[in-house]
C-alpha atoms as a PDB file:
ATOM      1  CA  UNK A   1      73.209 113.410   9.124  1.00  0.00           C
ATOM      2  CA  UNK A   2      72.379 111.572  12.313  1.00  0.00           C
ATOM      3  CA  UNK A   3      75.343 109.347  11.871  1.00  0.00           C
ATOM      4  CA  UNK A   4      77.811 112.264  11.229  1.00  0.00           C
ATOM      5  CA  UNK A   5      76.526 114.142  14.136  1.00  0.00           C
ATOM      6  CA  UNK A   6      77.349 111.116  16.384  1.00  0.00           C
ATOM      7  CA  UNK A   7      80.688 110.936  14.902  1.00  0.00           C
ATOM      8  CA  UNK A   8      81.576 114.460  15.423  1.00  0.00           C
ATOM      9  CA  UNK A   9      80.377 113.888  19.233  1.00  0.00           C
ATOM     10  CA  UNK A  10      82.394 111.019  19.762  1.00  0.00           C
ATOM     11  CA  UNK A  11      85.187 112.897  18.527  1.00  0.00           C
ATOM     12  CA  UNK A  12      84.531 115.484  20.720  1.00  0.00           C
ATOM     13  CA  UNK A  13      84.322 113.498  23.558  1.00  0.00           C
ATOM     14  CA  UNK A  14      87.313 111.691  22.865  1.00  0.00           C
ATOM     15  CA  UNK A  15      89.281 114.749  22.232  1.00  0.00           C
ATOM     16  CA  UNK A  16      87.837 116.096  25.818  1.00  0.00           C
ATOM     17  CA  UNK A  17      88.839 113.158  27.626  1.00  0.00           C
ATOM     18  CA  UNK A  18      92.391 112.870  25.845  1.00  0.00           C
ATOM     19  CA  UNK A  19      92.956 116.657  26.908  1.00  0.00           C
ATOM     20  CA  UNK A  20      92.448 115.791  30.680  1.00  0.00           C
ATOM     21  CA  UNK A  21      94.828 112.758  30.321  1.00  0.00           C
ATOM     22  CA  UNK A  22      97.586 114.583  32.698  1.00  0.00           C
ATOM     23  CA  UNK A  23      98.536 113.606  36.115  1.00  0.00           C
ATOM     24  CA  UNK A  24      98.130 115.849  38.976  1.00  0.00           C
ATOM     25  CA  UNK A  25     101.559 116.607  39.429  1.00  0.00           C
ATOM     26  CA  UNK A  26     101.963 117.194  35.712  1.00  0.00           C
ATOM     27  CA  UNK A  27      99.649 120.393  35.757  1.00  0.00           C
ATOM     28  CA  UNK A  28     100.987 121.359  38.983  1.00  0.00           C
ATOM     29  CA  UNK A  29     104.265 121.724  37.253  1.00  0.00           C
ATOM     30  CA  UNK A  30     102.712 123.615  34.121  1.00  0.00           C
ATOM     31  CA  UNK A  31     101.136 125.970  36.651  1.00  0.00           C
ATOM     32  CA  UNK A  32     104.157 126.514  38.700  1.00  0.00           C
ATOM     33  CA  UNK A  33     106.349 127.029  35.519  1.00  0.00           C
ATOM     34  CA  UNK A  34     103.969 129.495  34.022  1.00  0.00           C
ATOM     35  CA  UNK A  35     103.432 131.377  37.171  1.00  0.00           C
ATOM     36  CA  UNK A  36     107.186 131.520  37.608  1.00  0.00           C
ATOM     37  CA  UNK A  37     107.452 133.142  33.961  1.00  0.00           C
ATOM     38  CA  UNK A  38     104.286 135.609  34.926  1.00  0.00           C
ATOM     39  CA  UNK A  39     105.975 136.678  38.225  1.00  0.00           C
ATOM     40  CA  UNK A  40     109.195 137.255  36.815  1.00  0.00           C
ATOM     41  CA  UNK A  41     107.564 139.684  33.969  1.00  0.00           C
ATOM     42  CA  UNK A  42     105.826 141.575  36.783  1.00  0.00           C
ATOM     43  CA  UNK A  43     107.549 145.190  37.278  1.00  0.00           C
ATOM     44  CA  UNK A  44     107.977 144.014  40.896  1.00  0.00           C
ATOM     45  CA  UNK A  45     110.753 144.979  43.248  1.00  0.00           C
ATOM     46  CA  UNK A  46     111.606 144.507  47.150  1.00  0.00           C
ATOM     47  CA  UNK A  47     110.847 147.857  47.870  1.00  0.00           C
ATOM     48  CA  UNK A  48     107.191 147.260  46.988  1.00  0.00           C
ATOM     49  CA  UNK A  49     104.517 146.739  49.699  1.00  0.00           C
ATOM     50  CA  UNK A  50     104.264 143.301  50.686  1.00  0.00           C
ATOM     51  CA  UNK A  51     100.472 143.235  49.993  1.00  0.00           C
ATOM     52  CA  UNK A  52     101.060 144.353  46.592  1.00  0.00           C
ATOM     53  CA  UNK A  53     103.593 141.483  45.823  1.00  0.00           C
ATOM     54  CA  UNK A  54     101.355 138.917  46.993  1.00  0.00           C
ATOM     55  CA  UNK A  55      98.407 140.280  45.137  1.00  0.00           C
ATOM     56  CA  UNK A  56     100.739 140.169  41.797  1.00  0.00           C
ATOM     57  CA  UNK A  57     101.660 136.582  42.778  1.00  0.00           C
ATOM     58  CA  UNK A  58      97.922 135.350  43.616  1.00  0.00           C
ATOM     59  CA  UNK A  59      96.602 136.980  40.281  1.00  0.00           C
ATOM     60  CA  UNK A  60      99.455 134.974  38.119  1.00  0.00           C
ATOM     61  CA  UNK A  61      98.755 131.547  40.114  1.00  0.00           C
ATOM     62  CA  UNK A  62      94.734 132.076  39.316  1.00  0.00           C
ATOM     63  CA  UNK A  63      95.439 132.995  35.951  1.00  0.00           C
ATOM     64  CA  UNK A  64      97.639 129.868  34.958  1.00  0.00           C
ATOM     65  CA  UNK A  65      95.189 127.661  37.166  1.00  0.00           C
ATOM     66  CA  UNK A  66      92.597 128.868  34.900  1.00  0.00           C
ATOM     67  CA  UNK A  67      94.766 128.026  31.848  1.00  0.00           C
ATOM     68  CA  UNK A  68      95.839 124.580  32.823  1.00  0.00           C
ATOM     69  CA  UNK A  69      93.101 123.158  35.040  1.00  0.00           C
ATOM     70  CA  UNK A  70      91.222 121.358  32.538  1.00  0.00           C
ATOM     71  CA  UNK A  71      94.282 119.371  31.615  1.00  0.00           C
ATOM     72  CA  UNK A  72      93.838 117.190  34.684  1.00  0.00           C
ATOM     73  CA  UNK A  73      90.873 115.166  35.863  1.00  0.00           C
ATOM     74  CA  UNK A  74      91.595 116.122  39.308  1.00  0.00           C
ATOM     75  CA  UNK A  75      92.034 119.853  38.792  1.00  0.00           C
ATOM     76  CA  UNK A  76      89.012 120.177  36.231  1.00  0.00           C
ATOM     77  CA  UNK A  77      87.176 119.551  39.224  1.00  0.00           C
ATOM     78  CA  UNK A  78      88.566 122.235  41.494  1.00  0.00           C
ATOM     79  CA  UNK A  79      87.531 126.198  41.555  1.00  0.00           C
ATOM     80  CA  UNK A  80      89.042 129.371  42.947  1.00  0.00           C
ATOM     81  CA  UNK A  81      87.224 128.004  46.230  1.00  0.00           C
ATOM     82  CA  UNK A  82      90.075 125.580  46.578  1.00  0.00           C
ATOM     83  CA  UNK A  83      93.053 128.151  45.723  1.00  0.00           C
ATOM     84  CA  UNK A  84      94.551 127.770  48.983  1.00  0.00           C
ATOM     85  CA  UNK A  85      95.007 124.024  48.374  1.00  0.00           C
ATOM     86  CA  UNK A  86      96.399 124.863  44.857  1.00  0.00           C
ATOM     87  CA  UNK A  87      98.457 127.585  45.789  1.00  0.00           C
ATOM     88  CA  UNK A  88     100.072 124.946  48.382  1.00  0.00           C
ATOM     89  CA  UNK A  89     100.712 122.516  45.507  1.00  0.00           C
ATOM     90  CA  UNK A  90     102.176 124.861  43.076  1.00  0.00           C
ATOM     91  CA  UNK A  91     104.289 126.843  45.823  1.00  0.00           C
ATOM     92  CA  UNK A  92     106.256 123.838  46.559  1.00  0.00           C
ATOM     93  CA  UNK A  93     106.770 123.006  42.684  1.00  0.00           C
ATOM     94  CA  UNK A  94     107.976 126.779  42.253  1.00  0.00           C
ATOM     95  CA  UNK A  95     110.529 126.682  44.983  1.00  0.00           C
ATOM     96  CA  UNK A  96     112.299 124.100  42.724  1.00  0.00           C
ATOM     97  CA  UNK A  97     111.841 126.356  39.673  1.00  0.00           C
ATOM     98  CA  UNK A  98     112.174 129.839  40.454  1.00  0.00           C
ATOM     99  CA  UNK A  99     113.641 130.348  43.755  1.00  0.00           C
ATOM    100  CA  UNK A 100     115.875 133.154  42.463  1.00  0.00           C
ATOM    101  CA  UNK A 101     112.974 135.174  41.259  1.00  0.00           C
ATOM    102  CA  UNK A 102     111.313 134.691  44.456  1.00  0.00           C
ATOM    103  CA  UNK A 103     114.179 136.025  46.467  1.00  0.00           C
ATOM    104  CA  UNK A 104     114.656 138.930  44.017  1.00  0.00           C
ATOM    105  CA  UNK A 105     111.125 140.389  45.253  1.00  0.00           C
ATOM    106  CA  UNK A 106     110.615 138.899  48.454  1.00  0.00           C
ATOM    107  CA  UNK A 107     112.636 139.401  51.434  1.00  0.00           C
ATOM    108  CA  UNK A 108     113.444 136.348  53.529  1.00  0.00           C
ATOM    109  CA  UNK A 109     111.617 137.913  56.450  1.00  0.00           C
ATOM    110  CA  UNK A 110     108.280 138.180  53.867  1.00  0.00           C
ATOM    111  CA  UNK A 111     108.614 134.817  52.935  1.00  0.00           C
ATOM    112  CA  UNK A 112     108.821 133.343  56.166  1.00  0.00           C
ATOM    113  CA  UNK A 113     105.517 135.421  57.215  1.00  0.00           C
ATOM    114  CA  UNK A 114     103.844 133.909  54.039  1.00  0.00           C
ATOM    115  CA  UNK A 115     104.836 130.549  55.033  1.00  0.00           C
ATOM    116  CA  UNK A 116     103.600 131.065  58.402  1.00  0.00           C
ATOM    117  CA  UNK A 117     100.178 132.491  57.397  1.00  0.00           C
ATOM    118  CA  UNK A 118      99.850 129.464  55.265  1.00  0.00           C
ATOM    119  CA  UNK A 119     100.374 127.127  57.992  1.00  0.00           C
ATOM    120  CA  UNK A 120      98.091 128.760  60.360  1.00  0.00           C
ATOM    121  CA  UNK A 121      95.167 129.215  57.699  1.00  0.00           C
ATOM    122  CA  UNK A 122      95.834 125.157  56.902  1.00  0.00           C
ATOM    123  CA  UNK A 123      95.859 124.139  60.913  1.00  0.00           C
ATOM    124  CA  UNK A 124      98.163 121.111  60.463  1.00  0.00           C
ATOM    125  CA  UNK A 125      96.991 119.202  63.322  1.00  0.00           C
ATOM    126  CA  UNK A 126      93.632 119.275  61.556  1.00  0.00           C
ATOM    127  CA  UNK A 127      94.700 118.861  57.934  1.00  0.00           C
ATOM    128  CA  UNK A 128      92.300 116.515  55.865  1.00  0.00           C
ATOM    129  CA  UNK A 129      94.285 114.230  53.654  1.00  0.00           C
ATOM    130  CA  UNK A 130      93.201 114.336  49.893  1.00  0.00           C
ATOM    131  CA  UNK A 131      91.476 111.058  49.023  1.00  0.00           C
ATOM    132  CA  UNK A 132      91.705 110.296  44.933  1.00  0.00           C
ATOM    133  CA  UNK A 133      90.120 107.565  43.102  1.00  0.00           C
ATOM    134  CA  UNK A 134      90.643 105.863  39.517  1.00  0.00           C
ATOM    135  CA  UNK A 135      89.233 103.250  37.450  1.00  0.00           C
ATOM    136  CA  UNK A 136      91.822 100.650  36.382  1.00  0.00           C
ATOM    137  CA  UNK A 137      92.757  97.294  35.018  1.00  0.00           C
ATOM    138  CA  UNK A 138      94.838  95.359  37.327  1.00  0.00           C
ATOM    139  CA  UNK A 139      97.767  93.844  35.206  1.00  0.00           C
ATOM    140  CA  UNK A 140     100.313  92.538  37.656  1.00  0.00           C
ATOM    141  CA  UNK A 141     101.500  92.231  41.231  1.00  0.00           C
ATOM    142  CA  UNK A 142     105.069  92.531  42.593  1.00  0.00           C
ATOM    143  CA  UNK A 143     106.350  91.493  45.960  1.00  0.00           C
ATOM    144  CA  UNK A 144     109.588  93.706  46.508  1.00  0.00           C
ATOM    145  CA  UNK A 145     110.953  95.368  49.869  1.00  0.00           C
ATOM    146  CA  UNK A 146     107.571  97.482  49.258  1.00  0.00           C
ATOM    147  CA  UNK A 147     105.031  95.430  47.384  1.00  0.00           C
ATOM    148  CA  UNK A 148     103.044  97.122  44.541  1.00  0.00           C
ATOM    149  CA  UNK A 149     100.468  96.499  42.094  1.00  0.00           C
ATOM    150  CA  UNK A 150     100.596  97.686  38.227  1.00  0.00           C
ATOM    151  CA  UNK A 151      97.365  98.838  36.653  1.00  0.00           C
ATOM    152  CA  UNK A 152      96.404 100.530  33.116  1.00  0.00           C
ATOM    153  CA  UNK A 153      93.291 103.061  32.804  1.00  0.00           C
ATOM    154  CA  UNK A 154      91.136 103.697  29.748  1.00  0.00           C
ATOM    155  CA  UNK A 155      93.997 105.369  27.954  1.00  0.00           C
ATOM    156  CA  UNK A 156      96.263 102.639  28.421  1.00  0.00           C
ATOM    157  CA  UNK A 157      98.503 104.551  30.588  1.00  0.00           C
ATOM    158  CA  UNK A 158      99.813 102.474  33.413  1.00  0.00           C
ATOM    159  CA  UNK A 159      99.565 103.419  36.875  1.00  0.00           C
ATOM    160  CA  UNK A 160     101.673 101.848  39.701  1.00  0.00           C
ATOM    161  CA  UNK A 161     100.206 101.911  43.330  1.00  0.00           C
ATOM    162  CA  UNK A 162     102.569 101.207  46.418  1.00  0.00           C
ATOM    163  CA  UNK A 163     101.109  98.892  49.124  1.00  0.00           C
ATOM    164  CA  UNK A 164     102.680 100.153  52.554  1.00  0.00           C
ATOM    165  CA  UNK A 165      99.914  99.187  54.874  1.00  0.00           C
ATOM    166  CA  UNK A 166      96.871  96.929  55.233  1.00  0.00           C
ATOM    167  CA  UNK A 167      93.799  98.301  53.353  1.00  0.00           C
ATOM    168  CA  UNK A 168      90.151  97.579  52.571  1.00  0.00           C
ATOM    169  CA  UNK A 169      89.847  95.185  49.615  1.00  0.00           C
ATOM    170  CA  UNK A 170      93.473  94.005  49.610  1.00  0.00           C
ATOM    171  CA  UNK A 171      92.154  90.384  49.648  1.00  0.00           C
ATOM    172  CA  UNK A 172      90.994  90.996  45.901  1.00  0.00           C
ATOM    173  CA  UNK A 173      94.858  90.972  44.952  1.00  0.00           C
ATOM    174  CA  UNK A 174      95.362  87.689  43.388  1.00  0.00           C
ATOM    175  CA  UNK A 175      96.350  86.649  39.904  1.00  0.00           C
ATOM    176  CA  UNK A 176      92.759  85.203  39.178  1.00  0.00           C
ATOM    177  CA  UNK A 177      91.614  89.021  39.278  1.00  0.00           C
ATOM    178  CA  UNK A 178      94.192  90.064  36.538  1.00  0.00           C
ATOM    179  CA  UNK A 179      92.422  91.703  33.565  1.00  0.00           C
ATOM    180  CA  UNK A 180      89.481  92.484  35.725  1.00  0.00           C
ATOM    181  CA  UNK A 181      88.665  96.524  36.663  1.00  0.00           C
ATOM    182  CA  UNK A 182      88.722  98.130  40.035  1.00  0.00           C
ATOM    183  CA  UNK A 183      88.251 101.375  41.621  1.00  0.00           C
ATOM    184  CA  UNK A 184      91.472 102.370  43.513  1.00  0.00           C
ATOM    185  CA  UNK A 185      91.401 104.882  46.383  1.00  0.00           C
ATOM    186  CA  UNK A 186      94.928 106.109  46.959  1.00  0.00           C
ATOM    187  CA  UNK A 187      97.036 109.141  48.453  1.00  0.00           C
ATOM    188  CA  UNK A 188      99.927 110.483  46.801  1.00  0.00           C
ATOM    189  CA  UNK A 189     103.112 110.963  48.884  1.00  0.00           C
ATOM    190  CA  UNK A 190     106.622 112.475  48.366  1.00  0.00           C
ATOM    191  CA  UNK A 191     109.530 110.099  48.468  1.00  0.00           C
ATOM    192  CA  UNK A 192     112.793 110.318  48.016  1.00  0.00           C
ATOM    193  CA  UNK A 193     114.040 108.446  44.716  1.00  0.00           C
ATOM    194  CA  UNK A 194     117.739 107.717  44.715  1.00  0.00           C
ATOM    195  CA  UNK A 195     117.773 107.055  40.805  1.00  0.00           C
ATOM    196  CA  UNK A 196     116.457 110.466  40.060  1.00  0.00           C
ATOM    197  CA  UNK A 197     118.203 112.106  43.233  1.00  0.00           C
ATOM    198  CA  UNK A 198     114.977 113.953  44.289  1.00  0.00           C
ATOM    199  CA  UNK A 199     111.633 113.588  45.941  1.00  0.00           C
ATOM    200  CA  UNK A 200     108.768 112.236  43.588  1.00  0.00           C
ATOM    201  CA  UNK A 201     105.190 111.685  43.778  1.00  0.00           C
ATOM    202  CA  UNK A 202     104.131 108.162  44.150  1.00  0.00           C
ATOM    203  CA  UNK A 203     100.503 106.805  44.637  1.00  0.00           C
ATOM    204  CA  UNK A 204      99.745 104.673  47.859  1.00  0.00           C
ATOM    205  CA  UNK A 205      96.888 102.366  47.501  1.00  0.00           C
ATOM    206  CA  UNK A 206      94.576 102.791  50.669  1.00  0.00           C
ATOM    207  CA  UNK A 207      91.246 101.099  49.068  1.00  0.00           C
ATOM    208  CA  UNK A 208      90.473  98.512  46.107  1.00  0.00           C
ATOM    209  CA  UNK A 209      86.616  98.024  45.440  1.00  0.00           C
ATOM    210  CA  UNK A 210      85.422  95.685  42.524  1.00  0.00           C
ATOM    211  CA  UNK A 211      83.516  97.685  39.280  1.00  0.00           C
END
């Protein structure tokens, strides 16, 4: 009985961990896609009050954030207290997915006002850059036009980190440390990818620490 209980617990933990293996951007895209569908199904017209339209959009966002948040380690730690940050991430993705739906509901003046309000709330000059960390195994280094390292996480998923500036722990990047595990601190930046003909999210390493 004890062994069976331990086996069930191990399977449950494994399934839970696997369920959180999506990246931040993958979950943003899921939330954005479902929020687009949600807002298109709402009976909203341009003649409705701006407050009513913003409320409908906010409810769709909250509903789908709660639906998908646990699919990513990053968002599983977030709550509705972080809804402004979440709204900014999802809003950018939605403009590429359902811009026509937005334009059929909001006037251009309303969209400008919404963006302006968000900028005022954020205070761009005081914005704090999100810091992310992950534990990975160092497997390769590449010196190209932009240098980068290749790593693997506990789920055998490969992560590539660009090196764009000197950072704490850079001296640990040597072949003798291949197959060793490290904590990588990084930021996500949007860079234009010519092969994909669009902006994509890339990880830029800012700190490296031994485990």
